[in-house]
Amino acid sequence: MTKKQMVIGALIHANGSHAASWLMDEARPNASTDIDYFREMAQLAERGKFDFFFIADTPAARTENLKVWSRSPLFMNVLEPITLLSAIAGATTRIGLGATASTSFFEPYNLARQFASLDHISHGRAAWNVVTSANDYAARNFGLDRLPPHADRYAKAKEFVDVVEALWDTWEDGAFVYDKTTCLSFLPEKQHLLDHKGKYFTVHGALNLERPPQGRPVIIQAGASDTGKDFAAEYAEVVFGSSGNLEGAKAFYRDLKERVGKFGRRPDDLKIASGISVVIGESEQEARDKLDSWQDLIHPDVGVMRLGTDLETDLSDLPLDEPVPKHRVPTSSNQHQAYFNEIAGMIGEGLTLREIAKRYNRNKATFCGTVKQIADHMEHWIEAGACDGFMISFVALPSTLSDFVEKVVPELQRRGVFRQDYEGRTLREHLGLLRPENRYASSTPASPVARRA
């Protein structure tokens, strides 16, 4: 019997996702702006037959606590991701290329054009990670003091995606014929004007680019709140799961797969990729020792700041070796609910601030073990109904990516749970997702901004 095939994506930060990755011996100075380096990483992931190569982003630099941020320079010197992936596209042939772009700070027309362009440049490998943004540094770059409330951001995101998807359907397939005999470069009847006036956006016009090779770039989302999960169930085709334990992941999987039905979708229309980091050793202890040595590189200032950022309150005045008072925990999050919940849980255990800062690494599932243990873990989660695959955050680059490609991938292939080679050309084909029909070519035409025909 053929086993279920895993989805595997690579989440790439320049030196790695670990807070001290830039301090590691293998880290390359200026990696974050070195296109040759990123091409090497993408080619390495493609050699491992990954479904996609993913770049996270925020449209902002930190502007406060700069001494602390200088010790862990998150997003302080990074290339714009769509531009970066366009450059990577020419150095790869099969691997999908995904990037984050915020519905809070883009305009739908510009974003629709950019991702449609990336899909053409890559011959059908583009993916858009839809986010509403989760820090006020970005808000201040766009005329705001702070982010709007969570519910308002999602309402805007919903309208934003509706407009973008309608723009991607501006032209029916085959609209551009370049017929020199009749002097027709395109068929006018195959253009469909968008006339949208909503609460957040007014768009009257047509996208000046033919329909993307995939019909639409793949939509990625990672919302953990109830609102976020409803949004994902309606729009997303890949969802990043954030639970670090099996039962939590299974509950999330069941919940999301059940929700898609109320939006007229099938469970297989959405793939859930559970977030995981892996540290590989000849023994489990060797892998744990390696991770511990990296954790020791995190400056205490950085650990405390990261906690405060995700908890949305300043903890820097508290003593490191005493428990965090429970009254210092806000009642809810306006940013990353999953991160907030994890920190609040550790505070509830009575751990000291230093202990929490050292334990917390934003990677809910950092798995340390041998090649066999890691393959066992991944296969077990698939078989248990916890996910369709994994979004792997590589904590130190290039070593952890290279180890995974050279050691774990062959073991997964040997077990028959991961592809031996790419069979399709587009990201949709890798993921087993249907190419969506153009809403205007459907036998039952939809509203210009309806989700599906």
Protein backbone atom coordinates (compact mmCIF):
# COMPACT_ATOMS: atom_id res chain seq x y z
CA MET A 1 0.00 0.00 0.00
CA THR A 2 1.30 3.46 -0.93
CA LYS A 3 2.04 5.54 2.14
CA LYS A 4 0.94 9.13 2.56
CA GLN A 5 3.58 11.47 1.19
CA MET A 6 4.90 14.25 3.41
CA VAL A 7 4.86 17.92 2.54
CA ILE A 8 8.19 19.48 3.55
CA GLY A 9 9.01 23.17 3.46
CA ALA A 10 12.16 25.02 4.53
CA LEU A 11 11.83 28.19 6.61
CA ILE A 12 15.03 30.13 5.97
CA HIS A 13 16.61 32.96 7.92
CA ALA A 14 20.06 34.02 6.76
CA ASN A 15 22.22 32.29 9.40
CA GLY A 16 19.37 30.26 10.86
CA SER A 17 16.31 30.82 13.01
CA HIS A 18 18.12 30.51 16.33
CA ALA A 19 18.43 33.78 18.28
CA ALA A 20 22.22 33.38 18.35
CA SER A 21 22.72 31.85 14.92
CA TRP A 22 24.85 34.77 13.72
CA LEU A 23 27.33 34.04 16.55
CA MET A 24 27.94 30.44 15.52
CA ASP A 25 31.26 29.46 13.98
CA GLU A 26 29.66 28.52 10.67
CA ALA A 27 27.74 31.80 10.29
CA ARG A 28 28.72 33.91 7.29
CA PRO A 29 28.99 37.68 7.79
CA ASN A 30 26.56 39.59 5.54
CA ALA A 31 24.71 36.39 4.66
CA SER A 32 21.38 38.22 4.89
CA THR A 33 22.17 40.33 1.81
CA ASP A 34 24.23 37.78 -0.12
CA ILE A 35 22.16 36.50 -3.03
CA ASP A 36 24.74 33.85 -3.90
CA TYR A 37 24.41 32.44 -0.39
CA PHE A 38 20.61 32.29 -0.63
CA ARG A 39 20.87 30.58 -4.01
CA GLU A 40 23.12 27.96 -2.43
CA MET A 41 20.58 27.36 0.35
CA ALA A 42 17.71 27.07 -2.14
CA GLN A 43 19.69 24.69 -4.33
CA LEU A 44 20.50 22.58 -1.27
CA ALA A 45 16.80 22.39 -0.33
CA GLU A 46 15.93 21.55 -3.93
CA ARG A 47 18.50 18.76 -3.85
CA GLY A 48 16.52 17.44 -0.91
CA LYS A 49 13.32 17.54 -3.03
CA PHE A 50 11.60 19.97 -0.64
CA ASP A 51 8.19 21.24 -1.68
CA PHE A 52 9.06 24.87 -1.04
CA PHE A 53 11.68 27.34 0.17
CA PHE A 54 10.17 30.03 2.36
CA ILE A 55 11.26 33.53 3.42
CA ALA A 56 9.55 35.19 6.39
CA ASP A 57 9.48 38.98 6.52
CA THR A 58 8.29 42.13 8.24
CA PRO A 59 8.37 45.57 6.58
CA ALA A 60 10.26 47.24 9.41
CA ALA A 61 13.50 47.53 11.32
CA ARG A 62 13.48 47.67 15.10
CA THR A 63 13.98 51.25 16.28
CA GLU A 64 14.10 50.83 20.07
CA ASN A 65 16.40 48.91 22.42
CA LEU A 66 18.98 48.89 19.66
CA LYS A 67 21.79 47.64 21.88
CA VAL A 68 19.74 44.53 22.64
CA TRP A 69 18.72 44.07 19.01
CA SER A 70 22.37 44.39 18.01
CA ARG A 71 22.96 41.16 19.94
CA SER A 72 20.29 39.31 17.91
CA PRO A 73 19.60 41.27 14.71
CA LEU A 74 16.19 39.91 13.70
CA PHE A 75 15.03 41.49 10.39
CA MET A 76 17.53 44.33 10.84
CA ASN A 77 19.31 43.84 7.51
CA VAL A 78 17.25 41.75 5.10
CA LEU A 79 16.38 41.78 1.41
CA GLU A 80 12.79 42.34 0.31
CA PRO A 81 11.54 38.76 -0.08
CA ILE A 82 9.70 38.87 -3.42
CA THR A 83 12.76 40.46 -5.03
CA LEU A 84 14.96 37.85 -3.34
CA LEU A 85 12.84 34.93 -4.55
CA SER A 86 12.76 36.33 -8.09
CA ALA A 87 16.56 36.18 -8.06
CA ILE A 88 16.50 32.66 -6.61
CA ALA A 89 14.02 31.50 -9.25
CA GLY A 90 16.66 31.57 -11.96
CA ALA A 91 19.01 29.40 -9.90
CA THR A 92 16.42 26.67 -9.25
CA THR A 93 13.99 24.70 -11.40
CA ARG A 94 11.50 22.80 -9.24
CA ILE A 95 11.32 23.94 -5.63
CA GLY A 96 8.41 26.21 -4.65
CA LEU A 97 9.21 29.77 -3.59
CA GLY A 98 7.16 31.33 -0.79
CA ALA A 99 7.29 34.73 0.86
CA THR A 100 5.45 36.71 3.51
CA ALA A 101 3.62 39.90 2.54
CA SER A 102 1.29 41.82 4.83
CA THR A 103 -2.31 42.70 4.00
CA SER A 104 -2.01 45.56 6.48
CA PHE A 105 0.66 47.45 4.56
CA PHE A 106 0.43 46.50 0.88
CA GLU A 107 -2.13 47.50 -1.72
CA PRO A 108 -3.95 44.56 -3.37
CA TYR A 109 -3.11 45.57 -6.93
CA ASN A 110 0.62 45.87 -6.32
CA LEU A 111 0.79 42.60 -4.44
CA ALA A 112 -1.31 40.73 -7.04
CA ARG A 113 1.07 41.94 -9.73
CA GLN A 114 4.22 41.06 -7.77
CA PHE A 115 3.21 37.48 -6.95
CA ALA A 116 1.79 36.91 -10.44
CA SER A 117 5.17 38.08 -11.77
CA LEU A 118 7.03 35.70 -9.45
CA ASP A 119 4.79 32.86 -10.61
CA HIS A 120 5.64 33.63 -14.25
CA ILE A 121 9.36 34.10 -13.55
CA SER A 122 9.52 30.76 -11.69
CA HIS A 123 7.22 28.91 -14.15
CA GLY A 124 4.56 28.24 -11.54
CA ARG A 125 6.34 27.96 -8.20
CA ALA A 126 5.13 31.03 -6.25
CA ALA A 127 3.39 31.06 -2.88
CA TRP A 128 2.12 33.97 -0.79
CA ASN A 129 2.10 33.76 3.00
CA VAL A 130 -0.81 35.99 4.01
CA VAL A 131 -0.15 37.83 7.27
CA THR A 132 -1.73 40.83 8.96
CA SER A 133 1.59 41.78 10.64
CA ALA A 134 2.39 41.39 14.31
CA ASN A 135 4.53 44.29 15.45
CA ASP A 136 4.07 48.02 15.85
CA TYR A 137 7.42 48.79 14.22
CA ALA A 138 5.74 48.04 10.89
CA ALA A 139 2.68 50.11 11.77
CA ARG A 140 4.84 53.18 12.38
CA ASN A 141 6.29 52.97 8.88
CA PHE A 142 2.80 53.34 7.43
CA GLY A 143 1.31 56.26 9.31
CA LEU A 144 0.04 54.41 12.39
CA ASP A 145 1.12 54.47 16.02
CA ARG A 146 0.24 50.83 16.55
CA LEU A 147 -1.41 47.92 14.80
CA PRO A 148 -5.20 48.01 14.47
CA PRO A 149 -7.11 45.46 16.60
CA HIS A 150 -6.73 41.81 15.64
CA ALA A 151 -10.32 41.45 14.35
CA ASP A 152 -10.04 44.58 12.18
CA ARG A 153 -6.80 43.33 10.63
CA TYR A 154 -8.43 40.05 9.67
CA ALA A 155 -11.49 41.77 8.22
CA LYS A 156 -9.16 43.84 6.04
CA ALA A 157 -7.18 40.73 5.11
CA LYS A 158 -10.31 38.95 3.94
CA GLU A 159 -11.25 41.79 1.58
CA PHE A 160 -7.61 42.08 0.47
CA VAL A 161 -7.35 38.41 -0.55
CA ASP A 162 -10.71 38.53 -2.32
CA VAL A 163 -9.49 41.44 -4.44
CA VAL A 164 -6.10 39.84 -5.17
CA GLU A 165 -7.63 36.56 -6.29
CA ALA A 166 -10.11 38.41 -8.52
CA LEU A 167 -7.24 40.33 -10.09
CA TRP A 168 -5.37 37.08 -10.78
CA ASP A 169 -8.47 36.07 -12.77
CA THR A 170 -8.44 39.27 -14.87
CA TRP A 171 -7.45 37.29 -17.94
CA GLU A 172 -8.84 33.91 -18.90
CA ASP A 173 -6.34 31.23 -19.83
CA GLY A 174 -5.33 31.59 -23.46
CA ALA A 175 -6.22 35.28 -23.63
CA PHE A 176 -2.86 36.25 -25.15
CA VAL A 177 -2.67 34.72 -28.63
CA TYR A 178 -0.08 36.91 -30.43
CA ASP A 179 -1.75 36.24 -33.77
CA LYS A 180 0.18 38.23 -36.36
CA THR A 181 -2.20 37.20 -39.14
CA THR A 182 -5.22 38.86 -37.52
CA CYS A 183 -3.15 41.52 -35.72
CA LEU A 184 -4.46 40.45 -32.32
CA SER A 185 -2.05 40.11 -29.41
CA PHE A 186 -4.89 39.21 -27.04
CA LEU A 187 -8.60 38.38 -27.19
CA PRO A 188 -10.52 41.36 -25.74
CA GLU A 189 -13.46 39.22 -24.65
CA LYS A 190 -11.15 37.28 -22.32
CA GLN A 191 -10.35 40.31 -20.16
CA HIS A 192 -12.58 40.82 -17.10
CA LEU A 193 -12.68 44.20 -15.41
CA LEU A 194 -12.73 44.33 -11.62
CA ASP A 195 -15.03 46.98 -10.17
CA HIS A 196 -14.67 46.64 -6.42
CA LYS A 197 -15.66 49.14 -3.75
CA GLY A 198 -15.43 47.78 -0.22
CA LYS A 199 -14.79 48.95 3.32
CA TYR A 200 -11.01 48.99 2.92
CA PHE A 201 -10.26 49.02 -0.81
CA THR A 202 -11.57 50.49 -4.03
CA VAL A 203 -10.18 48.91 -7.18
CA HIS A 204 -11.46 49.60 -10.69
CA GLY A 205 -9.37 48.10 -13.40
CA ALA A 206 -7.56 45.03 -14.67
CA LEU A 207 -4.25 43.37 -13.92
CA ASN A 208 -1.75 44.10 -16.68
CA LEU A 209 -0.33 40.58 -16.67
CA GLU A 210 -1.77 37.32 -17.98
CA ARG A 211 -3.08 34.70 -15.62
CA PRO A 212 -0.35 33.09 -13.47
CA PRO A 213 0.86 29.63 -14.56
CA GLN A 214 -0.68 28.09 -11.43
CA GLY A 215 -3.92 29.97 -12.00
CA ARG A 216 -3.22 31.48 -8.60
CA PRO A 217 -0.04 31.35 -6.53
CA VAL A 218 -0.46 29.02 -3.56
CA ILE A 219 -1.90 30.73 -0.47
CA ILE A 220 -0.15 30.08 2.86
CA GLN A 221 -1.40 31.14 6.29
CA ALA A 222 -0.48 30.53 9.93
CA GLY A 223 -3.25 31.91 12.13
CA ALA A 224 -3.66 30.21 15.51
CA SER A 225 -6.58 32.25 16.84
CA ASP A 226 -10.18 31.27 16.14
CA THR A 227 -10.44 34.12 13.64
CA GLY A 228 -7.19 33.04 12.03
CA LYS A 229 -8.34 29.45 11.71
CA ASP A 230 -11.58 30.51 10.03
CA PHE A 231 -9.56 32.66 7.63
CA ALA A 232 -7.27 29.72 6.87
CA ALA A 233 -10.22 27.38 6.33
CA GLU A 234 -11.67 29.76 3.75
CA TYR A 235 -8.54 30.80 1.87
CA ALA A 236 -5.37 28.89 2.73
CA GLU A 237 -3.92 25.98 0.81
CA VAL A 238 -0.99 25.46 3.18
CA VAL A 239 -1.23 26.22 6.90
CA PHE A 240 1.71 26.31 9.27
CA GLY A 241 0.77 24.47 12.46
CA SER A 242 2.36 25.70 15.68
CA SER A 243 1.59 23.07 18.29
CA GLY A 244 4.63 21.46 19.89
CA ASN A 245 2.79 18.41 21.22
CA LEU A 246 1.07 15.59 19.39
CA GLU A 247 -2.39 15.90 20.96
CA GLY A 248 -2.48 19.65 20.39
CA ALA A 249 -1.43 19.17 16.77
CA LYS A 250 -4.09 16.49 16.22
CA ALA A 251 -6.78 18.75 17.66
CA PHE A 252 -5.64 21.63 15.42
CA TYR A 253 -5.59 19.32 12.38
CA ARG A 254 -9.10 17.99 13.01
CA ASP A 255 -10.47 21.45 13.72
CA LEU A 256 -9.08 23.02 10.56
CA LYS A 257 -9.96 20.11 8.28
CA GLU A 258 -13.54 20.21 9.57
CA ARG A 259 -13.82 23.98 9.14
CA VAL A 260 -13.05 23.93 5.41
CA GLY A 261 -16.39 22.28 4.67
CA LYS A 262 -18.41 25.34 5.60
CA PHE A 263 -16.58 27.24 2.86
CA GLY A 264 -17.36 24.67 0.19
CA ARG A 265 -13.91 23.13 0.23
CA ARG A 266 -12.57 19.61 0.65
CA PRO A 267 -10.12 18.61 3.40
CA ASP A 268 -7.48 17.81 0.76
CA ASP A 269 -7.69 21.39 -0.53
CA LEU A 270 -5.63 22.41 2.50
CA LYS A 271 -2.30 20.97 3.65
CA ILE A 272 -1.21 21.42 7.25
CA ALA A 273 2.55 21.63 7.74
CA SER A 274 3.51 21.39 11.39
CA GLY A 275 6.33 23.64 12.53
CA ILE A 276 9.43 21.79 13.67
CA SER A 277 13.17 22.30 14.07
CA VAL A 278 15.58 19.39 14.07
CA VAL A 279 19.05 18.99 15.53
CA ILE A 280 20.74 15.79 14.35
CA GLY A 281 23.43 13.87 16.19
CA GLU A 282 25.02 10.44 16.22
CA SER A 283 23.11 10.05 19.49
CA GLU A 284 20.24 11.95 21.08
CA GLN A 285 22.58 13.28 23.75
CA GLU A 286 25.00 14.61 21.15
CA ALA A 287 22.14 16.48 19.47
CA ARG A 288 20.95 17.90 22.80
CA ASP A 289 24.45 19.00 23.70
CA LYS A 290 24.70 20.79 20.37
CA LEU A 291 21.43 22.66 21.00
CA ASP A 292 22.46 23.51 24.57
CA SER A 293 25.71 24.99 23.29
CA TRP A 294 23.71 27.23 20.96
CA GLN A 295 21.30 28.23 23.71
CA ASP A 296 24.28 29.29 25.83
CA LEU A 297 25.19 31.82 23.14
CA ILE A 298 21.98 33.79 23.68
CA HIS A 299 22.72 36.96 25.61
CA PRO A 300 20.38 37.38 28.65
CA ASP A 301 19.27 40.76 27.32
CA VAL A 302 18.11 39.07 24.13
CA GLY A 303 16.26 36.28 25.93
CA VAL A 304 14.32 38.72 28.11
CA MET A 305 13.54 41.04 25.21
CA ARG A 306 12.19 38.19 23.07
CA LEU A 307 9.90 37.15 25.90
CA GLY A 308 8.67 40.69 26.38
CA THR A 309 8.09 41.16 22.65
CA ASP A 310 5.93 38.06 22.31
CA LEU A 311 4.20 38.60 25.65
CA GLU A 312 3.62 42.25 24.65
CA THR A 313 4.94 43.67 27.91
CA ASP A 314 8.37 44.84 29.09
CA LEU A 315 10.03 42.41 31.50
CA SER A 316 13.47 44.03 31.58
CA ASP A 317 12.98 45.48 35.08
CA LEU A 318 12.49 42.04 36.66
CA PRO A 319 15.27 40.05 38.39
CA LEU A 320 16.56 37.20 36.26
CA ASP A 321 16.59 34.56 38.99
CA GLU A 322 13.09 35.00 40.37
CA PRO A 323 9.72 33.81 38.99
CA VAL A 324 7.81 36.25 36.80
CA PRO A 325 4.81 37.66 38.74
CA LYS A 326 1.61 36.41 37.17
CA HIS A 327 0.08 39.87 37.28
CA ARG A 328 2.67 40.95 34.68
CA VAL A 329 1.03 38.73 32.06
CA PRO A 330 -1.52 40.56 29.83
CA THR A 331 -4.94 38.98 29.45
CA SER A 332 -4.66 38.39 25.70
CA SER A 333 -2.45 38.87 22.65
CA ASN A 334 -2.89 41.28 19.75
CA GLN A 335 -0.02 39.65 17.88
CA HIS A 336 1.17 36.00 18.03
CA GLN A 337 -1.35 34.08 20.14
CA ALA A 338 0.60 30.80 20.03
CA TYR A 339 3.83 32.41 21.28
CA PHE A 340 1.90 34.29 23.95
CA ASN A 341 0.28 31.09 25.21
CA GLU A 342 3.61 29.27 25.44
CA ILE A 343 5.26 31.99 27.52
CA ALA A 344 2.23 32.42 29.77
CA GLY A 345 2.27 28.67 30.39
CA MET A 346 5.92 28.69 31.50
CA ILE A 347 5.24 31.62 33.81
CA GLY A 348 2.38 29.61 35.27
CA GLU A 349 4.86 26.81 36.07
CA GLY A 350 6.78 29.19 38.32
CA LEU A 351 10.01 29.17 36.31
CA THR A 352 12.44 32.02 36.79
CA LEU A 353 12.84 34.69 34.13
CA ARG A 354 16.31 33.34 33.27
CA GLU A 355 14.97 29.78 32.90
CA ILE A 356 12.12 30.90 30.65
CA ALA A 357 14.43 33.05 28.54
CA LYS A 358 16.79 30.13 28.00
CA ARG A 359 14.03 27.59 27.28
CA TYR A 360 11.96 29.77 24.95
CA ASN A 361 13.16 29.69 21.35
CA ARG A 362 9.96 30.33 19.38
CA ASN A 363 10.32 26.90 17.82
CA LYS A 364 7.53 24.92 19.44
CA ALA A 365 9.00 21.61 18.41
CA THR A 366 12.76 21.49 18.46
CA PHE A 367 13.48 17.79 18.12
CA CYS A 368 16.92 16.50 19.01
CA GLY A 369 17.89 13.00 17.98
CA THR A 370 19.45 10.58 15.58
CA VAL A 371 18.40 10.28 11.95
CA LYS A 372 16.20 7.31 12.85
CA GLN A 373 14.57 9.11 15.78
CA ILE A 374 13.78 12.16 13.67
CA ALA A 375 12.35 10.06 10.84
CA ASP A 376 10.33 8.04 13.39
CA HIS A 377 8.97 11.26 14.90
CA MET A 378 7.94 12.72 11.55
CA GLU A 379 6.37 9.49 10.31
CA HIS A 380 4.48 9.03 13.58
CA TRP A 381 2.95 12.51 13.38
CA ILE A 382 1.76 11.86 9.84
CA GLU A 383 0.28 8.47 10.72
CA ALA A 384 -1.37 9.87 13.87
CA GLY A 385 -3.26 12.51 11.87
CA ALA A 386 -1.38 15.46 13.34
CA CYS A 387 -0.28 17.01 10.03
CA ASP A 388 0.25 16.53 6.31
CA GLY A 389 3.91 17.40 6.59
CA PHE A 390 6.36 19.80 8.15
CA MET A 391 7.55 23.37 7.93
CA ILE A 392 11.14 22.97 9.11
CA SER A 393 12.83 25.96 10.68
CA PHE A 394 16.56 25.44 10.29
CA VAL A 395 18.18 26.80 13.41
CA ALA A 396 21.76 27.00 12.12
CA LEU A 397 22.76 27.34 8.48
CA PRO A 398 23.99 25.72 6.47
CA SER A 399 24.73 22.77 8.82
CA THR A 400 21.23 21.77 9.96
CA LEU A 401 19.82 22.01 6.43
CA SER A 402 22.73 20.05 4.99
CA ASP A 403 22.40 17.37 7.69
CA PHE A 404 18.68 17.01 6.99
CA VAL A 405 19.10 16.79 3.22
CA GLU A 406 22.01 14.35 3.35
CA LYS A 407 20.82 12.15 6.22
CA VAL A 408 17.11 12.42 7.02
CA VAL A 409 15.72 12.78 3.49
CA PRO A 410 17.24 9.46 2.30
CA GLU A 411 15.76 7.74 5.35
CA LEU A 412 12.29 9.19 4.66
CA GLN A 413 12.62 8.13 1.02
CA ARG A 414 13.66 4.62 2.07
CA ARG A 415 10.48 4.41 4.18
CA GLY A 416 8.35 5.49 1.23
CA VAL A 417 6.92 8.59 2.90
CA PHE A 418 8.71 11.24 0.84
CA ARG A 419 9.27 11.62 -2.90
CA GLN A 420 12.31 10.20 -4.64
CA ASP A 421 12.13 13.03 -7.17
CA TYR A 422 9.82 15.80 -8.29
CA GLU A 423 7.07 14.53 -10.57
CA GLY A 424 5.50 17.88 -11.48
CA ARG A 425 6.75 21.32 -12.39
CA THR A 426 4.59 23.64 -10.31
CA LEU A 427 4.23 24.00 -6.56
CA ARG A 428 0.57 23.01 -6.86
CA GLU A 429 1.63 19.78 -8.49
CA HIS A 430 4.14 19.08 -5.71
CA LEU A 431 1.43 19.61 -3.09
CA GLY A 432 -1.31 17.73 -4.93
CA LEU A 433 -3.46 20.86 -5.22
CA LEU A 434 -5.78 21.47 -8.15
CA ARG A 435 -5.17 24.38 -10.48
CA PRO A 436 -8.17 26.66 -9.81
CA GLU A 437 -10.56 27.40 -12.63
CA ASN A 438 -10.88 31.02 -13.67
CA ARG A 439 -14.11 32.30 -12.11
CA TYR A 440 -15.14 34.02 -15.34
CA ALA A 441 -14.65 30.91 -17.46
CA SER A 442 -16.79 28.81 -15.12
CA SER A 443 -20.22 27.67 -16.21
CA THR A 444 -21.57 29.41 -13.09
CA PRO A 445 -19.90 32.83 -12.97
CA ALA A 446 -19.15 34.26 -9.56
CA SER A 447 -19.21 37.74 -8.14
CA PRO A 448 -16.00 39.57 -9.15
CA VAL A 449 -14.61 39.26 -5.63
CA ALA A 450 -16.13 35.95 -4.64
CA ARG A 451 -13.75 33.35 -3.25
CA ARG A 452 -14.51 30.69 -5.83
CA ALA A 453 -16.64 30.28 -8.92
